[in-house]
Amino acid sequence: MITQEQLGTMTGRPVHDAEGLDIGHVERLLLDDTTGRPEWARVRSGPSGPGDVFVPLREAVLSGDHVELAVTAAAIETAPAAGAGGGDVLSVADEQTLFAHYGIRDAGEQVNADSGTGWSAMDRAQHIRDGADSTGGREGARTRLRVYDAT
């Protein structure tokens, strides 16, 4: 797991998949707006790679000089073009699409499945999905993430 202390050193680091293949380098980090934990990295690859993609950081580790992911290059190459609109942050809908693609449970489901307690009481994304905010349930218009800023 990537720690808060390691966040400041991650931008620009090489990224390797679960099998040790070089995927590219960290361009941007996205943190969960509720917990502050790193959730996603936007990775920029070389000319022969998949281009700019979002990869999950939930089970990633900082290993020496690179970030080691828990997903394979094959999964990264076939990932949906979430956030392709040029935005720096994933919408709730984009994030749900990526969770499904990578086989990751939503953090709210993973931490506490009981409605109204623990995580779910703080989960802003659930309110968006339920339409209890000003977007009227339009998940594509909101996010539960924020860009990491080292300053």
C-alpha atoms as a PDB file:
ATOM      1  CA  MET A   1       0.000   0.000   0.000  1.00  0.00           C
ATOM      2  CA  ILE A   2       1.218   3.472  -0.875  1.00  0.00           C
ATOM      3  CA  THR A   3       1.513   5.649   2.241  1.00  0.00           C
ATOM      4  CA  GLN A   4       0.836   9.362   2.644  1.00  0.00           C
ATOM      5  CA  GLU A   5       4.557   9.900   3.208  1.00  0.00           C
ATOM      6  CA  GLN A   6       5.389   8.343  -0.178  1.00  0.00           C
ATOM      7  CA  LEU A   7       2.959  10.453  -2.217  1.00  0.00           C
ATOM      8  CA  GLY A   8       5.350  13.376  -2.626  1.00  0.00           C
ATOM      9  CA  THR A   9       7.947  11.179  -4.324  1.00  0.00           C
ATOM     10  CA  MET A  10       5.719   9.362  -6.793  1.00  0.00           C
ATOM     11  CA  THR A  11       5.173  11.798  -9.669  1.00  0.00           C
ATOM     12  CA  GLY A  12       7.493  10.905 -12.540  1.00  0.00           C
ATOM     13  CA  ARG A  13       8.406   7.472 -11.157  1.00  0.00           C
ATOM     14  CA  PRO A  14       8.367   4.456 -13.472  1.00  0.00           C
ATOM     15  CA  VAL A  15       5.354   2.139 -13.188  1.00  0.00           C
ATOM     16  CA  HIS A  16       5.599  -1.650 -13.524  1.00  0.00           C
ATOM     17  CA  ASP A  17       2.727  -4.085 -13.886  1.00  0.00           C
ATOM     18  CA  ALA A  18       2.211  -7.199 -11.725  1.00  0.00           C
ATOM     19  CA  GLU A  19       4.646  -9.120 -13.940  1.00  0.00           C
ATOM     20  CA  GLY A  20       7.400  -6.505 -13.822  1.00  0.00           C
ATOM     21  CA  LEU A  21       6.792  -4.942 -17.249  1.00  0.00           C
ATOM     22  CA  ASP A  22       7.500  -1.216 -17.552  1.00  0.00           C
ATOM     23  CA  ILE A  23       4.173   0.518 -18.280  1.00  0.00           C
ATOM     24  CA  GLY A  24       5.220   4.167 -18.223  1.00  0.00           C
ATOM     25  CA  HIS A  25       5.533   6.810 -15.516  1.00  0.00           C
ATOM     26  CA  VAL A  26       3.236   8.459 -12.965  1.00  0.00           C
ATOM     27  CA  GLU A  27       1.850  11.688 -14.316  1.00  0.00           C
ATOM     28  CA  ARG A  28      -0.851  12.461 -11.725  1.00  0.00           C
ATOM     29  CA  LEU A  29      -2.214  10.962  -8.508  1.00  0.00           C
ATOM     30  CA  LEU A  30      -5.876  10.900  -7.495  1.00  0.00           C
ATOM     31  CA  LEU A  31      -6.804  10.628  -3.836  1.00  0.00           C
ATOM     32  CA  ASP A  32     -10.082   9.563  -2.297  1.00  0.00           C
ATOM     33  CA  ASP A  33     -11.762  12.802  -1.217  1.00  0.00           C
ATOM     34  CA  THR A  34     -13.069  11.233   2.000  1.00  0.00           C
ATOM     35  CA  THR A  35     -10.060   9.255   3.261  1.00  0.00           C
ATOM     36  CA  GLY A  36      -7.148  10.933   1.476  1.00  0.00           C
ATOM     37  CA  ARG A  37      -5.858   7.528   0.368  1.00  0.00           C
ATOM     38  CA  PRO A  38      -4.306   7.157  -3.086  1.00  0.00           C
ATOM     39  CA  GLU A  39      -6.836   5.482  -5.404  1.00  0.00           C
ATOM     40  CA  TRP A  40      -5.664   6.043  -8.988  1.00  0.00           C
ATOM     41  CA  ALA A  41      -2.627   7.176 -10.940  1.00  0.00           C
ATOM     42  CA  ARG A  42      -2.685   8.575 -14.426  1.00  0.00           C
ATOM     43  CA  VAL A  43       0.192   6.857 -16.171  1.00  0.00           C
ATOM     44  CA  ARG A  44       1.777   8.149 -19.336  1.00  0.00           C
ATOM     45  CA  SER A  45       3.400   5.443 -21.406  1.00  0.00           C
ATOM     46  CA  GLY A  46       5.953   5.516 -24.162  1.00  0.00           C
ATOM     47  CA  PRO A  47       5.099   5.542 -27.881  1.00  0.00           C
ATOM     48  CA  SER A  48       4.418   1.797 -28.014  1.00  0.00           C
ATOM     49  CA  GLY A  49       2.353   1.678 -24.810  1.00  0.00           C
ATOM     50  CA  PRO A  50      -1.357   2.192 -24.147  1.00  0.00           C
ATOM     51  CA  GLY A  51      -1.077   6.002 -23.887  1.00  0.00           C
ATOM     52  CA  ASP A  52      -2.496   7.860 -20.895  1.00  0.00           C
ATOM     53  CA  VAL A  53      -4.377   5.426 -18.663  1.00  0.00           C
ATOM     54  CA  PHE A  54      -5.679   5.323 -15.117  1.00  0.00           C
ATOM     55  CA  VAL A  55      -4.351   2.475 -12.996  1.00  0.00           C
ATOM     56  CA  PRO A  56      -5.497   1.439  -9.513  1.00  0.00           C
ATOM     57  CA  LEU A  57      -3.211   2.181  -6.573  1.00  0.00           C
ATOM     58  CA  ARG A  58      -5.179   0.381  -3.867  1.00  0.00           C
ATOM     59  CA  GLU A  59      -2.819  -2.637  -3.838  1.00  0.00           C
ATOM     60  CA  ALA A  60       0.197  -0.937  -5.413  1.00  0.00           C
ATOM     61  CA  VAL A  61       3.518  -0.553  -3.598  1.00  0.00           C
ATOM     62  CA  LEU A  62       6.538   1.654  -3.968  1.00  0.00           C
ATOM     63  CA  SER A  63       9.383  -0.767  -4.651  1.00  0.00           C
ATOM     64  CA  GLY A  64      12.817   0.784  -4.963  1.00  0.00           C
ATOM     65  CA  ASP A  65      12.645   3.411  -7.675  1.00  0.00           C
ATOM     66  CA  HIS A  66       9.309   2.354  -9.211  1.00  0.00           C
ATOM     67  CA  VAL A  67       5.631   1.827  -8.484  1.00  0.00           C
ATOM     68  CA  GLU A  68       4.564  -1.813  -8.628  1.00  0.00           C
ATOM     69  CA  LEU A  69       0.935  -2.429  -9.583  1.00  0.00           C
ATOM     70  CA  ALA A  70      -1.233  -5.430  -8.757  1.00  0.00           C
ATOM     71  CA  VAL A  71      -2.675  -5.508 -12.303  1.00  0.00           C
ATOM     72  CA  THR A  72      -1.195  -6.797 -15.545  1.00  0.00           C
ATOM     73  CA  ALA A  73      -0.239  -4.892 -18.678  1.00  0.00           C
ATOM     74  CA  ALA A  74      -2.995  -6.772 -20.523  1.00  0.00           C
ATOM     75  CA  ALA A  75      -5.619  -5.345 -18.141  1.00  0.00           C
ATOM     76  CA  ILE A  76      -4.124  -1.877 -18.469  1.00  0.00           C
ATOM     77  CA  GLU A  77      -4.054  -2.030 -22.275  1.00  0.00           C
ATOM     78  CA  THR A  78      -7.747  -2.961 -22.425  1.00  0.00           C
ATOM     79  CA  ALA A  79      -8.866  -0.446 -19.786  1.00  0.00           C
ATOM     80  CA  PRO A  80     -11.712   1.858 -20.814  1.00  0.00           C
ATOM     81  CA  ALA A  81     -10.686   5.370 -21.795  1.00  0.00           C
ATOM     82  CA  ALA A  82     -12.000   6.839 -18.553  1.00  0.00           C
ATOM     83  CA  GLY A  83     -11.341  10.502 -18.074  1.00  0.00           C
ATOM     84  CA  ALA A  84     -10.546  10.782 -21.759  1.00  0.00           C
ATOM     85  CA  GLY A  85     -12.255  14.151 -21.911  1.00  0.00           C
ATOM     86  CA  GLY A  86      -8.984  15.685 -20.767  1.00  0.00           C
ATOM     87  CA  GLY A  87     -10.074  16.202 -17.194  1.00  0.00           C
ATOM     88  CA  ASP A  88      -7.633  15.587 -14.392  1.00  0.00           C
ATOM     89  CA  VAL A  89     -10.155  13.811 -12.181  1.00  0.00           C
ATOM     90  CA  LEU A  90     -12.367  10.792 -12.837  1.00  0.00           C
ATOM     91  CA  SER A  91     -16.113  11.176 -12.555  1.00  0.00           C
ATOM     92  CA  VAL A  92     -17.978   8.761 -10.295  1.00  0.00           C
ATOM     93  CA  ALA A  93     -19.269   6.972 -13.410  1.00  0.00           C
ATOM     94  CA  ASP A  94     -15.747   6.678 -14.883  1.00  0.00           C
ATOM     95  CA  GLU A  95     -14.441   5.351 -11.594  1.00  0.00           C
ATOM     96  CA  GLN A  96     -17.220   2.740 -11.408  1.00  0.00           C
ATOM     97  CA  THR A  97     -16.335   1.632 -14.957  1.00  0.00           C
ATOM     98  CA  LEU A  98     -12.676   1.254 -13.987  1.00  0.00           C
ATOM     99  CA  PHE A  99     -13.557  -0.604 -10.764  1.00  0.00           C
ATOM    100  CA  ALA A 100     -15.525  -3.104 -12.858  1.00  0.00           C
ATOM    101  CA  HIS A 101     -12.782  -3.434 -15.477  1.00  0.00           C
ATOM    102  CA  TYR A 102     -10.003  -4.069 -12.956  1.00  0.00           C
ATOM    103  CA  GLY A 103     -12.224  -6.259 -10.753  1.00  0.00           C
ATOM    104  CA  ILE A 104     -11.970  -3.935  -7.764  1.00  0.00           C
ATOM    105  CA  ARG A 105     -14.750  -3.458  -5.252  1.00  0.00           C
ATOM    106  CA  ASP A 106     -15.829   0.097  -4.583  1.00  0.00           C
ATOM    107  CA  ALA A 107     -14.105   1.259  -1.392  1.00  0.00           C
ATOM    108  CA  GLY A 108     -17.460   1.883   0.269  1.00  0.00           C
ATOM    109  CA  GLU A 109     -18.532  -1.704  -0.391  1.00  0.00           C
ATOM    110  CA  GLN A 110     -15.158  -3.098   0.581  1.00  0.00           C
ATOM    111  CA  VAL A 111     -14.853  -1.267   3.898  1.00  0.00           C
ATOM    112  CA  ASN A 112     -18.412  -1.405   5.155  1.00  0.00           C
ATOM    113  CA  ALA A 113     -21.448  -2.847   3.441  1.00  0.00           C
ATOM    114  CA  ASP A 114     -23.914  -1.688   6.116  1.00  0.00           C
ATOM    115  CA  SER A 115     -25.925   1.291   4.925  1.00  0.00           C
ATOM    116  CA  GLY A 116     -25.818   4.362   7.135  1.00  0.00           C
ATOM    117  CA  THR A 117     -22.789   3.351   9.204  1.00  0.00           C
ATOM    118  CA  GLY A 118     -19.032   3.649   8.936  1.00  0.00           C
ATOM    119  CA  TRP A 119     -17.792   4.459   5.457  1.00  0.00           C
ATOM    120  CA  SER A 120     -21.221   4.611   3.857  1.00  0.00           C
ATOM    121  CA  ALA A 121     -22.190   7.460   6.152  1.00  0.00           C
ATOM    122  CA  MET A 122     -19.313   9.498   4.685  1.00  0.00           C
ATOM    123  CA  ASP A 123     -19.463   8.275   1.083  1.00  0.00           C
ATOM    124  CA  ARG A 124     -20.223  11.308  -1.054  1.00  0.00           C
ATOM    125  CA  ALA A 125     -20.325   9.146  -4.196  1.00  0.00           C
ATOM    126  CA  GLN A 126     -23.282   7.171  -2.836  1.00  0.00           C
ATOM    127  CA  HIS A 127     -25.257  10.404  -2.468  1.00  0.00           C
ATOM    128  CA  ILE A 128     -24.418  11.232  -6.066  1.00  0.00           C
ATOM    129  CA  ARG A 129     -25.529   7.771  -7.248  1.00  0.00           C
ATOM    130  CA  ASP A 130     -28.766   8.143  -5.276  1.00  0.00           C
ATOM    131  CA  GLY A 131     -29.462  11.565  -6.769  1.00  0.00           C
ATOM    132  CA  ALA A 132     -29.365  13.292  -3.387  1.00  0.00           C
ATOM    133  CA  ASP A 133     -27.259  16.186  -4.595  1.00  0.00           C
ATOM    134  CA  SER A 134     -27.514  19.013  -7.075  1.00  0.00           C
ATOM    135  CA  THR A 135     -26.560  16.794 -10.049  1.00  0.00           C
ATOM    136  CA  GLY A 136     -29.825  14.853  -9.852  1.00  0.00           C
ATOM    137  CA  GLY A 137     -27.913  11.564  -9.880  1.00  0.00           C
ATOM    138  CA  ARG A 138     -25.757  12.377 -12.910  1.00  0.00           C
ATOM    139  CA  GLU A 139     -22.608  10.537 -11.848  1.00  0.00           C
ATOM    140  CA  GLY A 140     -20.684  11.789 -14.846  1.00  0.00           C
ATOM    141  CA  ALA A 141     -20.930  15.339 -13.570  1.00  0.00           C
ATOM    142  CA  ARG A 142     -19.278  14.777 -10.159  1.00  0.00           C
ATOM    143  CA  THR A 143     -16.267  13.104  -8.609  1.00  0.00           C
ATOM    144  CA  ARG A 144     -15.283  11.705  -5.253  1.00  0.00           C
ATOM    145  CA  LEU A 145     -11.581  12.127  -6.008  1.00  0.00           C
ATOM    146  CA  ARG A 146      -9.121  14.983  -5.883  1.00  0.00           C
ATOM    147  CA  VAL A 147      -5.785  15.544  -7.565  1.00  0.00           C
ATOM    148  CA  TYR A 148      -2.792  15.188  -5.257  1.00  0.00           C
ATOM    149  CA  ASP A 149      -0.944  18.464  -4.852  1.00  0.00           C
ATOM    150  CA  ALA A 150       2.458  18.207  -3.178  1.00  0.00           C
ATOM    151  CA  THR A 151       2.484  21.885  -2.155  1.00  0.00           C
END
